[in-house]
PDB file of N, CA and C in Angstrom:
ATOM      1  N   MET A   1     102.178 102.465  81.341  1.00  0.00           N
ATOM      2  CA  MET A   1     101.734 104.182  82.700  1.00  0.00           C
ATOM      3  C   MET A   1     102.915 103.929  83.863  1.00  0.00           C
ATOM      4  N   SER A   2     103.144 104.351  84.282  1.00  0.00           N
ATOM      5  CA  SER A   2     104.457 104.415  85.851  1.00  0.00           C
ATOM      6  C   SER A   2     103.411 103.895  86.974  1.00  0.00           C
ATOM      7  N   ASN A   3     104.185 103.135  87.639  1.00  0.00           N
ATOM      8  CA  ASN A   3     103.824 102.125  89.344  1.00  0.00           C
ATOM      9  C   ASN A   3     104.820 103.278  90.123  1.00  0.00           C
ATOM     10  N   GLU A   4     104.754 104.755  89.886  1.00  0.00           N
ATOM     11  CA  GLU A   4     105.961 104.686  90.478  1.00  0.00           C
ATOM     12  C   GLU A   4     104.897 106.110  90.875  1.00  0.00           C
ATOM     13  N   SER A   5     105.036 106.857  92.412  1.00  0.00           N
ATOM     14  CA  SER A   5     104.330 108.105  92.873  1.00  0.00           C
ATOM     15  C   SER A   5     105.182 108.939  93.461  1.00  0.00           C
ATOM     16  N   GLY A   6     105.194 110.225  93.190  1.00  0.00           N
ATOM     17  CA  GLY A   6     106.044 110.745  93.491  1.00  0.00           C
ATOM     18  C   GLY A   6     105.646 110.975  95.614  1.00  0.00           C
ATOM     19  N   TRP A   7     105.890 112.025  96.580  1.00  0.00           N
ATOM     20  CA  TRP A   7     105.657 111.145  98.293  1.00  0.00           C
ATOM     21  C   TRP A   7     104.361 112.487  97.775  1.00  0.00           C
ATOM     22  N   ILE A   8     103.362 112.312  98.453  1.00  0.00           N
ATOM     23  CA  ILE A   8     102.285 112.538  98.992  1.00  0.00           C
ATOM     24  C   ILE A   8     102.501 112.871 100.946  1.00  0.00           C
ATOM     25  N   MET A   9     101.321 114.661 100.587  1.00  0.00           N
ATOM     26  CA  MET A   9     101.384 114.763 101.994  1.00  0.00           C
ATOM     27  C   MET A   9      99.802 114.543 102.605  1.00  0.00           C
ATOM     28  N   SER A  10      99.793 113.729 104.354  1.00  0.00           N
ATOM     29  CA  SER A  10      98.744 113.813 104.375  1.00  0.00           C
ATOM     30  C   SER A  10      97.964 115.234 104.180  1.00  0.00           C
ATOM     31  N   SER A  11      96.661 115.467 104.006  1.00  0.00           N
ATOM     32  CA  SER A  11      95.925 116.533 104.134  1.00  0.00           C
ATOM     33  C   SER A  11      95.714 116.722 105.701  1.00  0.00           C
ATOM     34  N   ARG A  12      95.766 115.468 106.677  1.00  0.00           N
ATOM     35  CA  ARG A  12      95.368 116.217 108.026  1.00  0.00           C
ATOM     36  C   ARG A  12      97.121 116.861 108.328  1.00  0.00           C
ATOM     37  N   SER A  13      98.320 117.025 108.325  1.00  0.00           N
ATOM     38  CA  SER A  13      98.884 117.194 108.250  1.00  0.00           C
ATOM     39  C   SER A  13      99.074 118.850 108.072  1.00  0.00           C
ATOM     40  N   THR A  14      99.483 119.851 109.023  1.00  0.00           N
ATOM     41  CA  THR A  14      99.477 120.993 108.918  1.00  0.00           C
ATOM     42  C   THR A  14     101.533 121.735 109.113  1.00  0.00           C
ATOM     43  N   GLY A  15     100.780 123.053 108.836  1.00  0.00           N
ATOM     44  CA  GLY A  15     102.313 123.719 107.993  1.00  0.00           C
ATOM     45  C   GLY A  15     102.417 124.583 108.805  1.00  0.00           C
ATOM     46  N   ASN A  16     102.272 124.440 110.599  1.00  0.00           N
ATOM     47  CA  ASN A  16     102.555 124.861 111.460  1.00  0.00           C
ATOM     48  C   ASN A  16     103.200 123.965 112.671  1.00  0.00           C
ATOM     49  N   GLY A  17     104.413 123.763 112.233  1.00  0.00           N
ATOM     50  CA  GLY A  17     104.644 122.356 112.983  1.00  0.00           C
ATOM     51  C   GLY A  17     103.992 121.234 113.714  1.00  0.00           C
ATOM     52  N   GLY A  18     102.945 121.320 113.160  1.00  0.00           N
ATOM     53  CA  GLY A  18     102.493 119.506 113.537  1.00  0.00           C
ATOM     54  C   GLY A  18     102.594 118.521 112.768  1.00  0.00           C
ATOM     55  N   SER A  19     102.062 117.583 113.014  1.00  0.00           N
ATOM     56  CA  SER A  19     102.525 116.083 112.854  1.00  0.00           C
ATOM     57  C   SER A  19     102.734 116.191 110.800  1.00  0.00           C
ATOM     58  N   CYS A  20     103.542 115.566 110.147  1.00  0.00           N
ATOM     59  CA  CYS A  20     103.850 116.079 108.937  1.00  0.00           C
ATOM     60  C   CYS A  20     103.553 114.309 108.330  1.00  0.00           C
ATOM     61  N   VAL A  21     103.279 113.430 107.547  1.00  0.00           N
ATOM     62  CA  VAL A  21     103.299 112.223 107.247  1.00  0.00           C
ATOM     63  C   VAL A  21     103.295 112.021 106.035  1.00  0.00           C
ATOM     64  N   GLU A  22     104.552 111.566 104.666  1.00  0.00           N
ATOM     65  CA  GLU A  22     103.909 111.495 103.461  1.00  0.00           C
ATOM     66  C   GLU A  22     104.467 109.972 103.396  1.00  0.00           C
ATOM     67  N   ALA A  23     103.934 110.137 102.376  1.00  0.00           N
ATOM     68  CA  ALA A  23     103.339 108.217 101.188  1.00  0.00           C
ATOM     69  C   ALA A  23     103.618 108.358  99.836  1.00  0.00           C
ATOM     70  N   ARG A  24     104.619 107.307  99.331  1.00  0.00           N
ATOM     71  CA  ARG A  24     104.786 106.921  98.254  1.00  0.00           C
ATOM     72  C   ARG A  24     104.620 105.493  97.795  1.00  0.00           C
ATOM     73  N   ARG A  25     104.512 105.352  96.030  1.00  0.00           N
ATOM     74  CA  ARG A  25     104.299 104.303  96.062  1.00  0.00           C
ATOM     75  C   ARG A  25     105.830 104.068  94.836  1.00  0.00           C
ATOM     76  N   HIS A  26     106.270 103.041  95.197  1.00  0.00           N
ATOM     77  CA  HIS A  26     108.072 103.206  94.755  1.00  0.00           C
ATOM     78  C   HIS A  26     108.505 101.971  94.798  1.00  0.00           C
ATOM     79  N   GLU A  27     108.924 101.524  93.831  1.00  0.00           N
ATOM     80  CA  GLU A  27     108.763  99.924  93.701  1.00  0.00           C
ATOM     81  C   GLU A  27     107.885  98.707  93.635  1.00  0.00           C
ATOM     82  N   GLY A  28     106.474  98.935  93.331  1.00  0.00           N
ATOM     83  CA  GLY A  28     105.800  98.163  94.198  1.00  0.00           C
ATOM     84  C   GLY A  28     105.073  97.642  95.483  1.00  0.00           C
ATOM     85  N   LEU A  29     106.090  98.718  96.397  1.00  0.00           N
ATOM     86  CA  LEU A  29     105.657  98.835  97.787  1.00  0.00           C
ATOM     87  C   LEU A  29     105.400 100.270  98.387  1.00  0.00           C
ATOM     88  N   ILE A  30     104.596 100.357  99.313  1.00  0.00           N
ATOM     89  CA  ILE A  30     104.010 101.969  99.875  1.00  0.00           C
ATOM     90  C   ILE A  30     104.655 102.507 101.393  1.00  0.00           C
ATOM     91  N   GLU A  31     105.784 103.155 100.918  1.00  0.00           N
ATOM     92  CA  GLU A  31     106.635 103.837 101.849  1.00  0.00           C
ATOM     93  C   GLU A  31     106.205 104.800 102.386  1.00  0.00           C
ATOM     94  N   VAL A  32     106.306 105.313 103.892  1.00  0.00           N
ATOM     95  CA  VAL A  32     105.660 105.574 104.549  1.00  0.00           C
ATOM     96  C   VAL A  32     106.802 107.085 105.369  1.00  0.00           C
ATOM     97  N   ARG A  33     106.860 108.287 105.565  1.00  0.00           N
ATOM     98  CA  ARG A  33     107.820 109.041 106.268  1.00  0.00           C
ATOM     99  C   ARG A  33     107.977 110.117 107.285  1.00  0.00           C
ATOM    100  N   ASN A  34     108.322 110.938 107.885  1.00  0.00           N
ATOM    101  CA  ASN A  34     108.093 111.739 108.680  1.00  0.00           C
ATOM    102  C   ASN A  34     107.957 112.403 107.811  1.00  0.00           C
ATOM    103  N   SER A  35     107.756 113.956 107.443  1.00  0.00           N
ATOM    104  CA  SER A  35     108.754 114.304 106.407  1.00  0.00           C
ATOM    105  C   SER A  35     109.822 115.611 107.331  1.00  0.00           C
ATOM    106  N   LYS A  36     109.461 115.440 108.847  1.00  0.00           N
ATOM    107  CA  LYS A  36     110.208 116.239 109.191  1.00  0.00           C
ATOM    108  C   LYS A  36     111.601 115.530 110.141  1.00  0.00           C
ATOM    109  N   ALA A  37     111.401 113.968 109.372  1.00  0.00           N
ATOM    110  CA  ALA A  37     112.632 113.502 109.987  1.00  0.00           C
ATOM    111  C   ALA A  37     113.484 112.379 108.929  1.00  0.00           C
ATOM    112  N   ARG A  38     113.024 112.989 108.069  1.00  0.00           N
ATOM    113  CA  ARG A  38     113.669 111.979 106.351  1.00  0.00           C
ATOM    114  C   ARG A  38     114.311 111.068 106.053  1.00  0.00           C
ATOM    115  N   GLU A  39     115.717 111.930 107.461  1.00  0.00           N
ATOM    116  CA  GLU A  39     116.694 110.851 107.692  1.00  0.00           C
ATOM    117  C   GLU A  39     116.781 109.673 108.161  1.00  0.00           C
ATOM    118  N   ALA A  40     115.202 109.902 109.461  1.00  0.00           N
ATOM    119  CA  ALA A  40     115.202 108.557 109.834  1.00  0.00           C
ATOM    120  C   ALA A  40     114.815 107.295 108.904  1.00  0.00           C
ATOM    121  N   GLY A  41     114.391 107.410 107.772  1.00  0.00           N
ATOM    122  CA  GLY A  41     113.547 106.490 106.974  1.00  0.00           C
ATOM    123  C   GLY A  41     112.352 106.549 107.118  1.00  0.00           C
ATOM    124  N   THR A  42     112.074 105.477 106.354  1.00  0.00           N
ATOM    125  CA  THR A  42     110.500 105.135 106.107  1.00  0.00           C
ATOM    126  C   THR A  42     110.187 103.486 106.354  1.00  0.00           C
ATOM    127  N   VAL A  43     109.087 103.240 106.518  1.00  0.00           N
ATOM    128  CA  VAL A  43     108.616 101.909 106.819  1.00  0.00           C
ATOM    129  C   VAL A  43     107.354 101.749 105.786  1.00  0.00           C
ATOM    130  N   VAL A  44     107.986 100.411 105.511  1.00  0.00           N
ATOM    131  CA  VAL A  44     107.716 100.533 103.962  1.00  0.00           C
ATOM    132  C   VAL A  44     106.881  98.590 103.899  1.00  0.00           C
ATOM    133  N   PHE A  45     105.522  99.091 103.074  1.00  0.00           N
ATOM    134  CA  PHE A  45     104.304  98.210 103.546  1.00  0.00           C
ATOM    135  C   PHE A  45     104.004  97.668 102.134  1.00  0.00           C
ATOM    136  N   THR A  46     103.240  96.122 102.188  1.00  0.00           N
ATOM    137  CA  THR A  46     103.409  96.284 100.676  1.00  0.00           C
ATOM    138  C   THR A  46     102.302  96.505 100.295  1.00  0.00           C
ATOM    139  N   THR A  47     101.278  96.515  99.462  1.00  0.00           N
ATOM    140  CA  THR A  47     100.142  97.204  99.004  1.00  0.00           C
ATOM    141  C   THR A  47      99.037  96.413  99.559  1.00  0.00           C
ATOM    142  N   GLU A  48      98.904  94.339  99.592  1.00  0.00           N
ATOM    143  CA  GLU A  48      97.777  94.417 100.953  1.00  0.00           C
ATOM    144  C   GLU A  48      98.116  94.388 102.069  1.00  0.00           C
ATOM    145  N   GLU A  49      99.209  94.615 102.829  1.00  0.00           N
ATOM    146  CA  GLU A  49      98.937  95.547 103.659  1.00  0.00           C
ATOM    147  C   GLU A  49      98.588  96.712 104.484  1.00  0.00           C
ATOM    148  N   TRP A  50      98.698  97.764 103.125  1.00  0.00           N
ATOM    149  CA  TRP A  50      98.447  99.235 103.546  1.00  0.00           C
ATOM    150  C   TRP A  50      97.406  99.035 103.264  1.00  0.00           C
ATOM    151  N   ASP A  51      96.480  98.173 102.174  1.00  0.00           N
ATOM    152  CA  ASP A  51      95.027  98.583 101.593  1.00  0.00           C
ATOM    153  C   ASP A  51      94.276  97.834 103.174  1.00  0.00           C
ATOM    154  N   SER A  52      95.160  97.121 103.682  1.00  0.00           N
ATOM    155  CA  SER A  52      94.447  96.548 105.138  1.00  0.00           C
ATOM    156  C   SER A  52      94.846  97.127 105.873  1.00  0.00           C
ATOM    157  N   PHE A  53      94.875  98.013 106.311  1.00  0.00           N
ATOM    158  CA  PHE A  53      95.538  99.283 107.019  1.00  0.00           C
ATOM    159  C   PHE A  53      94.609 100.206 107.009  1.00  0.00           C
ATOM    160  N   LEU A  54      94.457 101.102 105.830  1.00  0.00           N
ATOM    161  CA  LEU A  54      93.745 101.976 105.436  1.00  0.00           C
ATOM    162  C   LEU A  54      91.726 100.964 105.395  1.00  0.00           C
ATOM    163  N   PHE A  55      91.845  99.652 104.705  1.00  0.00           N
ATOM    164  CA  PHE A  55      90.861  99.198 105.884  1.00  0.00           C
ATOM    165  C   PHE A  55      90.237  99.316 106.854  1.00  0.00           C
ATOM    166  N   GLY A  56      91.025  99.261 107.612  1.00  0.00           N
ATOM    167  CA  GLY A  56      90.657  99.219 109.982  1.00  0.00           C
ATOM    168  C   GLY A  56      90.947  99.912 109.854  1.00  0.00           C
ATOM    169  N   ALA A  57      90.870 101.763 108.995  1.00  0.00           N
ATOM    170  CA  ALA A  57      91.309 102.910 109.887  1.00  0.00           C
ATOM    171  C   ALA A  57      90.192 103.514 109.889  1.00  0.00           C
ATOM    172  N   LYS A  58      89.443 102.727 108.295  1.00  0.00           N
ATOM    173  CA  LYS A  58      88.333 103.624 108.379  1.00  0.00           C
ATOM    174  C   LYS A  58      86.944 103.002 108.649  1.00  0.00           C
ATOM    175  N   ARG A  59      86.828 101.346 109.375  1.00  0.00           N
ATOM    176  CA  ARG A  59      85.690 101.566 110.018  1.00  0.00           C
ATOM    177  C   ARG A  59      86.505 101.933 111.458  1.00  0.00           C
ATOM    178  N   GLY A  60      87.545 102.259 112.094  1.00  0.00           N
ATOM    179  CA  GLY A  60      87.528 102.411 113.184  1.00  0.00           C
ATOM    180  C   GLY A  60      88.387 101.763 114.366  1.00  0.00           C
ATOM    181  N   GLU A  61      88.842 100.762 113.522  1.00  0.00           N
ATOM    182  CA  GLU A  61      89.498 100.016 114.317  1.00  0.00           C
ATOM    183  C   GLU A  61      90.920 100.456 115.436  1.00  0.00           C
ATOM    184  N   PHE A  62      91.557 102.127 115.122  1.00  0.00           N
ATOM    185  CA  PHE A  62      92.620 102.310 115.508  1.00  0.00           C
ATOM    186  C   PHE A  62      91.914 103.546 116.164  1.00  0.00           C
ATOM    187  N   ASP A  63      90.629 104.400 116.464  1.00  0.00           N
ATOM    188  CA  ASP A  63      90.288 105.034 117.290  1.00  0.00           C
ATOM    189  C   ASP A  63      90.774 105.111 118.494  1.00  0.00           C
ATOM    190  N   GLN A  64      91.033 104.113 119.197  1.00  0.00           N
ATOM    191  CA  GLN A  64      91.235 103.914 120.719  1.00  0.00           C
ATOM    192  C   GLN A  64      93.242 104.305 120.717  1.00  0.00           C
ATOM    193  N   LEU A  65      93.634 104.456 119.774  1.00  0.00           N
ATOM    194  CA  LEU A  65      95.179 105.131 119.800  1.00  0.00           C
ATOM    195  C   LEU A  65      95.231 107.478 120.263  1.00  0.00           C
ATOM    196  N   LEU A  66      93.529 106.801 119.562  1.00  0.00           N
ATOM    197  CA  LEU A  66      93.896 109.020 119.571  1.00  0.00           C
ATOM    198  C   LEU A  66      93.768 108.707 121.380  1.00  0.00           C
ATOM    199  N   ALA A  67      94.426 110.341 120.758  1.00  0.00           N
ATOM    200  CA  ALA A  67      94.446 110.923 121.925  1.00  0.00           C
ATOM    201  C   ALA A  67      93.088 111.492 121.970  1.00  0.00           C
ATOM    202  N   ASP A  68      93.177 111.948 124.246  1.00  0.00           N
ATOM    203  CA  ASP A  68      91.563 112.656 124.905  1.00  0.00           C
ATOM    204  C   ASP A  68      91.686 113.176 124.988  1.00  0.00           C
TER     205      ASP A  68
END
């Protein structure tokens, strides 16, 4: 079984000009990019960092960053 995956788009992204975030597993890491600026590159996380980020997001640790 391959540990690789294709790019997936956030379910929160919209098709009408909204924010578009894509992520994939590649070479044992998690890559994240802006689908509208792919040439800008990716942000890369270890699986441990990604798990920690998701855990914190689910617990609301980043809610203060949301727009009013």
